[in-house]
Amino acid sequence: MKKFTFLLIIMLFFAALCNIFGQEKSYSFEVKKTGKGKQSLIFIPGFASSGDVWNETVAKFEKNYTCYTLTMAGFAGIKPETDASFKNWEKEIAAFIKDTNIEKPIIIGHSMGGALALAIAADYPELPGKIIIVDTLPCLAALSNPNFTSKENNDCSATVNKLTAMTDEQFRQMQTQSIPRLMADTSMQETVINWSMKSDRKTFASIYCDFSNTDLRETIKNIHCPSLILLESYFVNFKPAIEAQYKNLKNANMQYASKGLHFIMYDDKEWYFNQLNNFLSAK
């Protein structure tokens, strides 16, 4: 009987070890992996967007690249974290690249996702092979206030309280008014609005507040890899201010779209894919 009890304890112990070490590490995002190429592409969507925003882009490149498409926790129906933050998301994506042994990936980010790509390339310059930034500024707040400085202890409670107090109908109305200012392609507007509606409201509010307080103008001087900066057509009107924000980024190729708004991958597809093809094929 004692021998049987001892064997049972041993079996349970090994079962527990298998359970612990067999579990995949969880990150602050969901990952969809497709493609089989030696070179990897990591796609980071923008604020409150699903990784599906990259569907057409992934379809173009997954034949020749391994694609990792992220959707951040709390956005577009993905389970939220307790305390989401821009800095933690940056660390989590960097950890994922290291843990998965992805060698010199090309990181592609749209909007807030582009800022995450810039932050990763600046704080972990050894990780990316290249970065592609789709309509992102190092400091969004500085476009209207060039003297903007980040608050050290940024209190987001007012923003969280305001947005979480909204009814779904009020929130939808706000997004229905906002999205057409960001996207000329009317066929995709409802899709993007629905991603916002499926997003956790607290995550939406806290990340919006946190990202609005982010300033990467100085840290991007640490980026060593080739960088492609794709900007919406309207930004050509603010070229001096925008290029002043990017002055510390060396080895950057800045291009302005010929038409459309913030969602360049929808609004100016031919130009967008030409830019990506040229940049990815360059040695």
C-alpha atoms as a PDB file:
ATOM      1  CA  MET A   1       0.000   0.000   0.000  1.00  0.00           C
ATOM      2  CA  LYS A   2       2.833   2.357   0.928  1.00  0.00           C
ATOM      3  CA  LYS A   3       4.575   1.546  -2.361  1.00  0.00           C
ATOM      4  CA  PHE A   4       1.357   2.314  -4.297  1.00  0.00           C
ATOM      5  CA  THR A   5       0.932   5.642  -2.457  1.00  0.00           C
ATOM      6  CA  PHE A   6       4.542   6.574  -3.179  1.00  0.00           C
ATOM      7  CA  LEU A   7       4.151   5.756  -6.887  1.00  0.00           C
ATOM      8  CA  LEU A   8       0.920   7.772  -7.025  1.00  0.00           C
ATOM      9  CA  ILE A   9       2.659  10.796  -5.485  1.00  0.00           C
ATOM     10  CA  ILE A  10       5.501  10.511  -8.022  1.00  0.00           C
ATOM     11  CA  MET A  11       3.037  10.267 -10.916  1.00  0.00           C
ATOM     12  CA  LEU A  12       1.107  13.297  -9.695  1.00  0.00           C
ATOM     13  CA  PHE A  13       4.350  15.234  -9.302  1.00  0.00           C
ATOM     14  CA  PHE A  14       5.415  14.533 -12.894  1.00  0.00           C
ATOM     15  CA  ALA A  15       1.924  15.274 -14.144  1.00  0.00           C
ATOM     16  CA  ALA A  16       2.104  18.659 -12.408  1.00  0.00           C
ATOM     17  CA  LEU A  17       5.505  19.349 -13.994  1.00  0.00           C
ATOM     18  CA  CYS A  18       4.185  18.465 -17.444  1.00  0.00           C
ATOM     19  CA  ASN A  19       1.250  20.772 -16.903  1.00  0.00           C
ATOM     20  CA  ILE A  20       3.483  23.658 -15.838  1.00  0.00           C
ATOM     21  CA  PHE A  21       6.122  23.304 -18.526  1.00  0.00           C
ATOM     22  CA  GLY A  22       3.727  22.219 -21.238  1.00  0.00           C
ATOM     23  CA  GLN A  23       1.770  25.451 -21.050  1.00  0.00           C
ATOM     24  CA  GLU A  24       2.553  28.089 -23.630  1.00  0.00           C
ATOM     25  CA  LYS A  25       3.525  31.438 -22.223  1.00  0.00           C
ATOM     26  CA  SER A  26       0.736  33.984 -22.567  1.00  0.00           C
ATOM     27  CA  TYR A  27       1.344  37.523 -23.790  1.00  0.00           C
ATOM     28  CA  SER A  28      -0.579  40.795 -23.918  1.00  0.00           C
ATOM     29  CA  PHE A  29      -1.911  39.934 -27.357  1.00  0.00           C
ATOM     30  CA  GLU A  30      -3.291  37.154 -29.505  1.00  0.00           C
ATOM     31  CA  VAL A  31      -1.027  35.892 -32.319  1.00  0.00           C
ATOM     32  CA  LYS A  32      -1.989  34.394 -35.659  1.00  0.00           C
ATOM     33  CA  LYS A  33       0.906  32.723 -37.483  1.00  0.00           C
ATOM     34  CA  THR A  34       0.794  32.080 -41.236  1.00  0.00           C
ATOM     35  CA  GLY A  35       3.293  31.573 -44.036  1.00  0.00           C
ATOM     36  CA  LYS A  36       6.589  29.677 -44.172  1.00  0.00           C
ATOM     37  CA  GLY A  37       9.321  32.071 -45.241  1.00  0.00           C
ATOM     38  CA  LYS A  38      12.744  32.341 -43.575  1.00  0.00           C
ATOM     39  CA  GLN A  39      12.198  36.082 -43.017  1.00  0.00           C
ATOM     40  CA  SER A  40       9.466  36.970 -40.530  1.00  0.00           C
ATOM     41  CA  LEU A  41       7.017  39.866 -40.573  1.00  0.00           C
ATOM     42  CA  ILE A  42       5.332  40.995 -37.343  1.00  0.00           C
ATOM     43  CA  PHE A  43       2.137  43.011 -37.826  1.00  0.00           C
ATOM     44  CA  ILE A  44       0.901  45.301 -35.036  1.00  0.00           C
ATOM     45  CA  PRO A  45      -2.529  46.887 -35.542  1.00  0.00           C
ATOM     46  CA  GLY A  46      -3.499  50.355 -34.409  1.00  0.00           C
ATOM     47  CA  PHE A  47      -5.628  51.593 -31.545  1.00  0.00           C
ATOM     48  CA  ALA A  48      -8.740  49.428 -30.935  1.00  0.00           C
ATOM     49  CA  SER A  49      -8.138  47.556 -34.203  1.00  0.00           C
ATOM     50  CA  SER A  50      -8.122  43.849 -34.901  1.00  0.00           C
ATOM     51  CA  GLY A  51      -5.157  42.142 -36.516  1.00  0.00           C
ATOM     52  CA  ASP A  52      -7.599  41.629 -39.394  1.00  0.00           C
ATOM     53  CA  VAL A  53      -6.676  45.148 -40.508  1.00  0.00           C
ATOM     54  CA  TRP A  54      -3.621  43.443 -42.040  1.00  0.00           C
ATOM     55  CA  ASN A  55      -5.515  40.657 -43.875  1.00  0.00           C
ATOM     56  CA  GLU A  56      -4.833  41.944 -47.388  1.00  0.00           C
ATOM     57  CA  THR A  57      -1.211  42.744 -46.541  1.00  0.00           C
ATOM     58  CA  VAL A  58      -0.611  39.300 -45.046  1.00  0.00           C
ATOM     59  CA  ALA A  59      -2.243  37.649 -48.079  1.00  0.00           C
ATOM     60  CA  LYS A  60       0.269  39.473 -50.314  1.00  0.00           C
ATOM     61  CA  PHE A  61       3.345  38.394 -48.379  1.00  0.00           C
ATOM     62  CA  GLU A  62       2.663  35.088 -46.601  1.00  0.00           C
ATOM     63  CA  LYS A  63       3.871  33.065 -49.621  1.00  0.00           C
ATOM     64  CA  ASN A  64       7.398  34.340 -49.065  1.00  0.00           C
ATOM     65  CA  TYR A  65       7.417  35.321 -45.378  1.00  0.00           C
ATOM     66  CA  THR A  66       6.381  33.895 -42.023  1.00  0.00           C
ATOM     67  CA  CYS A  67       3.745  36.304 -40.724  1.00  0.00           C
ATOM     68  CA  TYR A  68       2.853  36.921 -37.082  1.00  0.00           C
ATOM     69  CA  THR A  69      -0.291  39.033 -36.830  1.00  0.00           C
ATOM     70  CA  LEU A  70      -1.096  40.458 -33.390  1.00  0.00           C
ATOM     71  CA  THR A  71      -4.305  41.736 -31.812  1.00  0.00           C
ATOM     72  CA  MET A  72      -3.666  43.483 -28.507  1.00  0.00           C
ATOM     73  CA  ALA A  73      -5.436  42.380 -25.314  1.00  0.00           C
ATOM     74  CA  GLY A  74      -8.733  44.166 -24.758  1.00  0.00           C
ATOM     75  CA  PHE A  75      -9.115  45.236 -28.394  1.00  0.00           C
ATOM     76  CA  ALA A  76     -11.584  43.865 -30.961  1.00  0.00           C
ATOM     77  CA  GLY A  77     -12.966  41.133 -28.708  1.00  0.00           C
ATOM     78  CA  ILE A  78      -9.664  39.836 -27.265  1.00  0.00           C
ATOM     79  CA  LYS A  79      -9.751  39.214 -23.493  1.00  0.00           C
ATOM     80  CA  PRO A  80      -8.477  42.312 -21.632  1.00  0.00           C
ATOM     81  CA  GLU A  81      -5.664  42.546 -19.089  1.00  0.00           C
ATOM     82  CA  THR A  82      -6.114  44.034 -15.625  1.00  0.00           C
ATOM     83  CA  ASP A  83      -3.726  46.949 -16.183  1.00  0.00           C
ATOM     84  CA  ALA A  84      -2.865  47.531 -19.835  1.00  0.00           C
ATOM     85  CA  SER A  85      -0.170  50.050 -20.714  1.00  0.00           C
ATOM     86  CA  PHE A  86       1.764  51.096 -23.813  1.00  0.00           C
ATOM     87  CA  LYS A  87       5.125  50.390 -22.139  1.00  0.00           C
ATOM     88  CA  ASN A  88       4.110  46.917 -21.003  1.00  0.00           C
ATOM     89  CA  TRP A  89       2.828  46.069 -24.473  1.00  0.00           C
ATOM     90  CA  GLU A  90       6.188  47.134 -25.894  1.00  0.00           C
ATOM     91  CA  LYS A  91       7.995  44.852 -23.429  1.00  0.00           C
ATOM     92  CA  GLU A  92       5.630  41.956 -24.165  1.00  0.00           C
ATOM     93  CA  ILE A  93       6.159  42.127 -27.934  1.00  0.00           C
ATOM     94  CA  ALA A  94       9.942  42.299 -27.433  1.00  0.00           C
ATOM     95  CA  ALA A  95       9.731  39.284 -25.090  1.00  0.00           C
ATOM     96  CA  PHE A  96       7.683  37.372 -27.665  1.00  0.00           C
ATOM     97  CA  ILE A  97      10.326  37.999 -30.344  1.00  0.00           C
ATOM     98  CA  LYS A  98      13.069  36.763 -28.004  1.00  0.00           C
ATOM     99  CA  ASP A  99      11.127  33.781 -26.620  1.00  0.00           C
ATOM    100  CA  THR A 100      10.084  32.632 -30.096  1.00  0.00           C
ATOM    101  CA  ASN A 101      13.633  33.084 -31.446  1.00  0.00           C
ATOM    102  CA  ILE A 102      12.439  35.217 -34.353  1.00  0.00           C
ATOM    103  CA  GLU A 103      15.637  36.426 -35.994  1.00  0.00           C
ATOM    104  CA  LYS A 104      15.652  40.054 -37.160  1.00  0.00           C
ATOM    105  CA  PRO A 105      11.922  40.326 -37.931  1.00  0.00           C
ATOM    106  CA  ILE A 106      10.501  43.157 -39.990  1.00  0.00           C
ATOM    107  CA  ILE A 107       8.031  44.894 -37.678  1.00  0.00           C
ATOM    108  CA  ILE A 108       5.089  46.612 -39.350  1.00  0.00           C
ATOM    109  CA  GLY A 109       2.820  48.833 -37.264  1.00  0.00           C
ATOM    110  CA  HIS A 110      -0.147  51.057 -38.005  1.00  0.00           C
ATOM    111  CA  SER A 111      -0.950  54.128 -35.888  1.00  0.00           C
ATOM    112  CA  MET A 112      -0.447  53.135 -32.233  1.00  0.00           C
ATOM    113  CA  GLY A 113       1.048  49.875 -33.546  1.00  0.00           C
ATOM    114  CA  GLY A 114       3.575  51.959 -35.451  1.00  0.00           C
ATOM    115  CA  ALA A 115       4.503  53.726 -32.235  1.00  0.00           C
ATOM    116  CA  LEU A 116       5.015  50.321 -30.603  1.00  0.00           C
ATOM    117  CA  ALA A 117       7.290  49.356 -33.508  1.00  0.00           C
ATOM    118  CA  LEU A 118       9.296  52.573 -33.043  1.00  0.00           C
ATOM    119  CA  ALA A 119       9.549  52.005 -29.285  1.00  0.00           C
ATOM    120  CA  ILE A 120      10.721  48.396 -29.705  1.00  0.00           C
ATOM    121  CA  ALA A 121      13.311  49.381 -32.333  1.00  0.00           C
ATOM    122  CA  ALA A 122      14.564  52.178 -30.054  1.00  0.00           C
ATOM    123  CA  ASP A 123      14.696  50.229 -26.778  1.00  0.00           C
ATOM    124  CA  TYR A 124      15.733  46.873 -28.288  1.00  0.00           C
ATOM    125  CA  PRO A 125      17.763  47.957 -31.356  1.00  0.00           C
ATOM    126  CA  GLU A 126      19.239  44.472 -31.751  1.00  0.00           C
ATOM    127  CA  LEU A 127      15.834  42.867 -32.385  1.00  0.00           C
ATOM    128  CA  PRO A 128      14.346  44.146 -35.681  1.00  0.00           C
ATOM    129  CA  GLY A 129      15.850  43.815 -39.148  1.00  0.00           C
ATOM    130  CA  LYS A 130      13.644  46.617 -40.506  1.00  0.00           C
ATOM    131  CA  ILE A 131      10.571  48.557 -39.413  1.00  0.00           C
ATOM    132  CA  ILE A 132       7.628  49.860 -41.428  1.00  0.00           C
ATOM    133  CA  ILE A 133       5.592  52.625 -39.817  1.00  0.00           C
ATOM    134  CA  VAL A 134       2.122  53.273 -41.253  1.00  0.00           C
ATOM    135  CA  ASP A 135       0.836  56.759 -40.405  1.00  0.00           C
ATOM    136  CA  THR A 136       2.400  57.220 -36.994  1.00  0.00           C
ATOM    137  CA  LEU A 137       4.116  60.161 -35.331  1.00  0.00           C
ATOM    138  CA  PRO A 138       6.695  59.807 -32.546  1.00  0.00           C
ATOM    139  CA  CYS A 139       4.552  62.192 -30.478  1.00  0.00           C
ATOM    140  CA  LEU A 140       0.965  62.703 -31.599  1.00  0.00           C
ATOM    141  CA  ALA A 141       0.316  65.437 -29.023  1.00  0.00           C
ATOM    142  CA  ALA A 142       3.270  67.478 -30.313  1.00  0.00           C
ATOM    143  CA  LEU A 143       1.613  68.019 -33.686  1.00  0.00           C
ATOM    144  CA  SER A 144      -0.712  70.559 -32.054  1.00  0.00           C
ATOM    145  CA  ASN A 145       1.700  71.467 -29.239  1.00  0.00           C
ATOM    146  CA  PRO A 146       5.400  71.266 -30.243  1.00  0.00           C
ATOM    147  CA  ASN A 147       6.407  72.035 -26.647  1.00  0.00           C
ATOM    148  CA  PHE A 148       4.512  69.029 -25.294  1.00  0.00           C
ATOM    149  CA  THR A 149       6.231  67.067 -22.516  1.00  0.00           C
ATOM    150  CA  SER A 150       5.044  63.748 -21.143  1.00  0.00           C
ATOM    151  CA  LYS A 151       3.674  63.656 -17.609  1.00  0.00           C
ATOM    152  CA  GLU A 152       5.683  61.394 -15.349  1.00  0.00           C
ATOM    153  CA  ASN A 153       2.670  60.124 -13.418  1.00  0.00           C
ATOM    154  CA  ASN A 154      -0.130  60.441 -15.916  1.00  0.00           C
ATOM    155  CA  ASP A 155      -3.546  60.076 -14.264  1.00  0.00           C
ATOM    156  CA  CYS A 156      -5.952  58.423 -16.700  1.00  0.00           C
ATOM    157  CA  SER A 157      -8.834  57.999 -14.246  1.00  0.00           C
ATOM    158  CA  ALA A 158     -10.883  60.907 -15.681  1.00  0.00           C
ATOM    159  CA  THR A 159     -10.660  59.470 -19.220  1.00  0.00           C
ATOM    160  CA  VAL A 160     -11.508  55.971 -17.978  1.00  0.00           C
ATOM    161  CA  ASN A 161     -14.466  57.220 -15.951  1.00  0.00           C
ATOM    162  CA  LYS A 162     -15.811  59.276 -18.839  1.00  0.00           C
ATOM    163  CA  LEU A 163     -15.637  56.528 -21.469  1.00  0.00           C
ATOM    164  CA  THR A 164     -16.778  53.656 -19.249  1.00  0.00           C
ATOM    165  CA  ALA A 165     -19.809  55.722 -18.184  1.00  0.00           C
ATOM    166  CA  MET A 166     -21.012  55.960 -21.799  1.00  0.00           C
ATOM    167  CA  THR A 167     -23.820  53.715 -22.965  1.00  0.00           C
ATOM    168  CA  ASP A 168     -23.078  51.481 -25.945  1.00  0.00           C
ATOM    169  CA  GLU A 169     -25.245  53.724 -28.100  1.00  0.00           C
ATOM    170  CA  GLN A 170     -23.340  56.857 -27.025  1.00  0.00           C
ATOM    171  CA  PHE A 171     -20.017  55.129 -27.628  1.00  0.00           C
ATOM    172  CA  ARG A 172     -21.108  53.893 -31.064  1.00  0.00           C
ATOM    173  CA  GLN A 173     -22.244  57.392 -31.985  1.00  0.00           C
ATOM    174  CA  MET A 174     -18.829  58.791 -30.987  1.00  0.00           C
ATOM    175  CA  GLN A 175     -17.031  56.182 -33.106  1.00  0.00           C
ATOM    176  CA  THR A 176     -19.434  56.628 -36.024  1.00  0.00           C
ATOM    177  CA  GLN A 177     -18.510  60.314 -36.083  1.00  0.00           C
ATOM    178  CA  SER A 178     -14.767  59.682 -35.648  1.00  0.00           C
ATOM    179  CA  ILE A 179     -13.969  56.845 -38.075  1.00  0.00           C
ATOM    180  CA  PRO A 180     -14.985  58.648 -41.335  1.00  0.00           C
ATOM    181  CA  ARG A 181     -12.335  61.258 -40.458  1.00  0.00           C
ATOM    182  CA  LEU A 182      -9.764  58.473 -40.409  1.00  0.00           C
ATOM    183  CA  MET A 183     -10.833  56.376 -43.379  1.00  0.00           C
ATOM    184  CA  ALA A 184     -11.967  57.328 -46.876  1.00  0.00           C
ATOM    185  CA  ASP A 185     -12.894  53.742 -47.808  1.00  0.00           C
ATOM    186  CA  THR A 186     -16.565  53.686 -46.779  1.00  0.00           C
ATOM    187  CA  SER A 187     -16.825  49.909 -47.298  1.00  0.00           C
ATOM    188  CA  MET A 188     -14.582  49.267 -44.262  1.00  0.00           C
ATOM    189  CA  GLN A 189     -15.843  51.943 -41.881  1.00  0.00           C
ATOM    190  CA  GLU A 190     -18.466  49.765 -40.198  1.00  0.00           C
ATOM    191  CA  THR A 191     -15.904  46.988 -39.701  1.00  0.00           C
ATOM    192  CA  VAL A 192     -13.536  49.346 -37.882  1.00  0.00           C
ATOM    193  CA  ILE A 193     -16.390  50.793 -35.799  1.00  0.00           C
ATOM    194  CA  ASN A 194     -17.344  47.254 -34.759  1.00  0.00           C
ATOM    195  CA  TRP A 195     -13.773  46.548 -33.656  1.00  0.00           C
ATOM    196  CA  SER A 196     -14.117  49.518 -31.295  1.00  0.00           C
ATOM    197  CA  MET A 197     -17.494  48.266 -30.058  1.00  0.00           C
ATOM    198  CA  LYS A 198     -15.978  44.844 -29.284  1.00  0.00           C
ATOM    199  CA  SER A 199     -13.063  46.451 -27.417  1.00  0.00           C
ATOM    200  CA  ASP A 200     -12.973  46.521 -23.634  1.00  0.00           C
ATOM    201  CA  ARG A 201     -13.982  50.044 -22.675  1.00  0.00           C
ATOM    202  CA  LYS A 202     -11.491  50.398 -19.808  1.00  0.00           C
ATOM    203  CA  THR A 203      -8.626  49.245 -22.058  1.00  0.00           C
ATOM    204  CA  PHE A 204      -9.815  51.610 -24.782  1.00  0.00           C
ATOM    205  CA  ALA A 205      -9.807  54.564 -22.369  1.00  0.00           C
ATOM    206  CA  SER A 206      -6.586  53.821 -20.496  1.00  0.00           C
ATOM    207  CA  ILE A 207      -4.520  53.043 -23.606  1.00  0.00           C
ATOM    208  CA  TYR A 208      -5.896  56.122 -25.377  1.00  0.00           C
ATOM    209  CA  CYS A 209      -4.788  58.243 -22.412  1.00  0.00           C
ATOM    210  CA  ASP A 210      -1.438  56.456 -22.085  1.00  0.00           C
ATOM    211  CA  PHE A 211      -0.642  56.662 -25.797  1.00  0.00           C
ATOM    212  CA  SER A 212      -1.568  60.372 -25.847  1.00  0.00           C
ATOM    213  CA  ASN A 213       1.135  60.888 -23.225  1.00  0.00           C
ATOM    214  CA  THR A 214       3.813  59.004 -25.208  1.00  0.00           C
ATOM    215  CA  ASP A 215       6.766  60.894 -26.681  1.00  0.00           C
ATOM    216  CA  LEU A 216       9.352  58.977 -28.711  1.00  0.00           C
ATOM    217  CA  ARG A 217      11.005  61.960 -30.419  1.00  0.00           C
ATOM    218  CA  GLU A 218      14.237  61.609 -28.455  1.00  0.00           C
ATOM    219  CA  THR A 219      14.451  57.806 -28.076  1.00  0.00           C
ATOM    220  CA  ILE A 220      14.190  57.078 -31.810  1.00  0.00           C
ATOM    221  CA  LYS A 221      17.814  58.195 -32.118  1.00  0.00           C
ATOM    222  CA  ASN A 222      18.674  54.663 -30.881  1.00  0.00           C
ATOM    223  CA  ILE A 223      17.076  52.988 -33.929  1.00  0.00           C
ATOM    224  CA  HIS A 224      19.708  51.496 -36.240  1.00  0.00           C
ATOM    225  CA  CYS A 225      17.680  49.433 -38.699  1.00  0.00           C
ATOM    226  CA  PRO A 226      16.281  50.708 -42.026  1.00  0.00           C
ATOM    227  CA  SER A 227      12.915  52.390 -41.484  1.00  0.00           C
ATOM    228  CA  LEU A 228      10.081  53.096 -43.914  1.00  0.00           C
ATOM    229  CA  ILE A 229       7.673  55.811 -42.767  1.00  0.00           C
ATOM    230  CA  LEU A 230       4.386  55.915 -44.697  1.00  0.00           C
ATOM    231  CA  LEU A 231       2.240  58.948 -43.980  1.00  0.00           C
ATOM    232  CA  GLU A 232      -1.274  59.886 -45.065  1.00  0.00           C
ATOM    233  CA  SER A 233      -1.661  62.420 -47.869  1.00  0.00           C
ATOM    234  CA  TYR A 234      -3.034  65.156 -45.592  1.00  0.00           C
ATOM    235  CA  PHE A 235       0.182  65.178 -43.554  1.00  0.00           C
ATOM    236  CA  VAL A 236       2.105  66.712 -46.447  1.00  0.00           C
ATOM    237  CA  ASN A 237       0.555  70.006 -45.269  1.00  0.00           C
ATOM    238  CA  PHE A 238       2.486  69.644 -41.995  1.00  0.00           C
ATOM    239  CA  LYS A 239       5.706  68.343 -43.517  1.00  0.00           C
ATOM    240  CA  PRO A 240       8.131  70.595 -41.548  1.00  0.00           C
ATOM    241  CA  ALA A 241       6.499  69.762 -38.202  1.00  0.00           C
ATOM    242  CA  ILE A 242       6.315  66.037 -38.962  1.00  0.00           C
ATOM    243  CA  GLU A 243       9.862  65.761 -40.220  1.00  0.00           C
ATOM    244  CA  ALA A 244      11.048  67.714 -37.174  1.00  0.00           C
ATOM    245  CA  GLN A 245       9.512  64.952 -35.035  1.00  0.00           C
ATOM    246  CA  TYR A 246      11.460  62.356 -37.023  1.00  0.00           C
ATOM    247  CA  LYS A 247      14.750  64.289 -37.160  1.00  0.00           C
ATOM    248  CA  ASN A 248      16.474  61.886 -34.739  1.00  0.00           C
ATOM    249  CA  LEU A 249      15.598  58.818 -36.820  1.00  0.00           C
ATOM    250  CA  LYS A 250      18.530  58.059 -39.083  1.00  0.00           C
ATOM    251  CA  ASN A 251      18.304  55.841 -42.145  1.00  0.00           C
ATOM    252  CA  ALA A 252      14.598  56.641 -42.607  1.00  0.00           C
ATOM    253  CA  ASN A 253      12.683  56.656 -45.880  1.00  0.00           C
ATOM    254  CA  MET A 254       9.666  58.985 -45.503  1.00  0.00           C
ATOM    255  CA  GLN A 255       6.867  58.817 -48.055  1.00  0.00           C
ATOM    256  CA  TYR A 256       3.497  60.593 -48.249  1.00  0.00           C
ATOM    257  CA  ALA A 257       0.485  58.793 -49.710  1.00  0.00           C
ATOM    258  CA  SER A 258      -1.102  60.188 -52.857  1.00  0.00           C
ATOM    259  CA  LYS A 259      -4.656  60.053 -51.488  1.00  0.00           C
ATOM    260  CA  GLY A 260      -6.827  58.912 -48.598  1.00  0.00           C
ATOM    261  CA  LEU A 261      -6.658  59.197 -44.842  1.00  0.00           C
ATOM    262  CA  HIS A 262      -5.221  57.400 -41.806  1.00  0.00           C
ATOM    263  CA  PHE A 263      -5.981  53.805 -42.860  1.00  0.00           C
ATOM    264  CA  ILE A 264      -3.551  53.896 -45.781  1.00  0.00           C
ATOM    265  CA  MET A 265      -3.760  50.123 -46.346  1.00  0.00           C
ATOM    266  CA  TYR A 266      -7.412  50.630 -47.341  1.00  0.00           C
ATOM    267  CA  ASP A 267      -7.367  54.147 -48.810  1.00  0.00           C
ATOM    268  CA  ASP A 268      -4.345  54.023 -51.138  1.00  0.00           C
ATOM    269  CA  LYS A 269      -3.710  50.305 -51.696  1.00  0.00           C
ATOM    270  CA  GLU A 270      -1.685  50.403 -54.900  1.00  0.00           C
ATOM    271  CA  TRP A 271       0.719  53.044 -53.573  1.00  0.00           C
ATOM    272  CA  TYR A 272       0.913  51.272 -50.190  1.00  0.00           C
ATOM    273  CA  PHE A 273       1.812  47.882 -51.678  1.00  0.00           C
ATOM    274  CA  ASN A 274       4.347  49.428 -54.055  1.00  0.00           C
ATOM    275  CA  GLN A 275       6.092  51.064 -51.087  1.00  0.00           C
ATOM    276  CA  LEU A 276       6.138  47.794 -49.134  1.00  0.00           C
ATOM    277  CA  ASN A 277       7.391  45.767 -52.083  1.00  0.00           C
ATOM    278  CA  ASN A 278      10.234  48.204 -52.798  1.00  0.00           C
ATOM    279  CA  PHE A 279      11.306  48.412 -49.161  1.00  0.00           C
ATOM    280  CA  LEU A 280      11.112  44.677 -48.443  1.00  0.00           C
ATOM    281  CA  SER A 281      13.053  43.754 -51.589  1.00  0.00           C
ATOM    282  CA  ALA A 282      15.842  46.274 -50.927  1.00  0.00           C
ATOM    283  CA  LYS A 283      19.028  44.780 -49.519  1.00  0.00           C
END
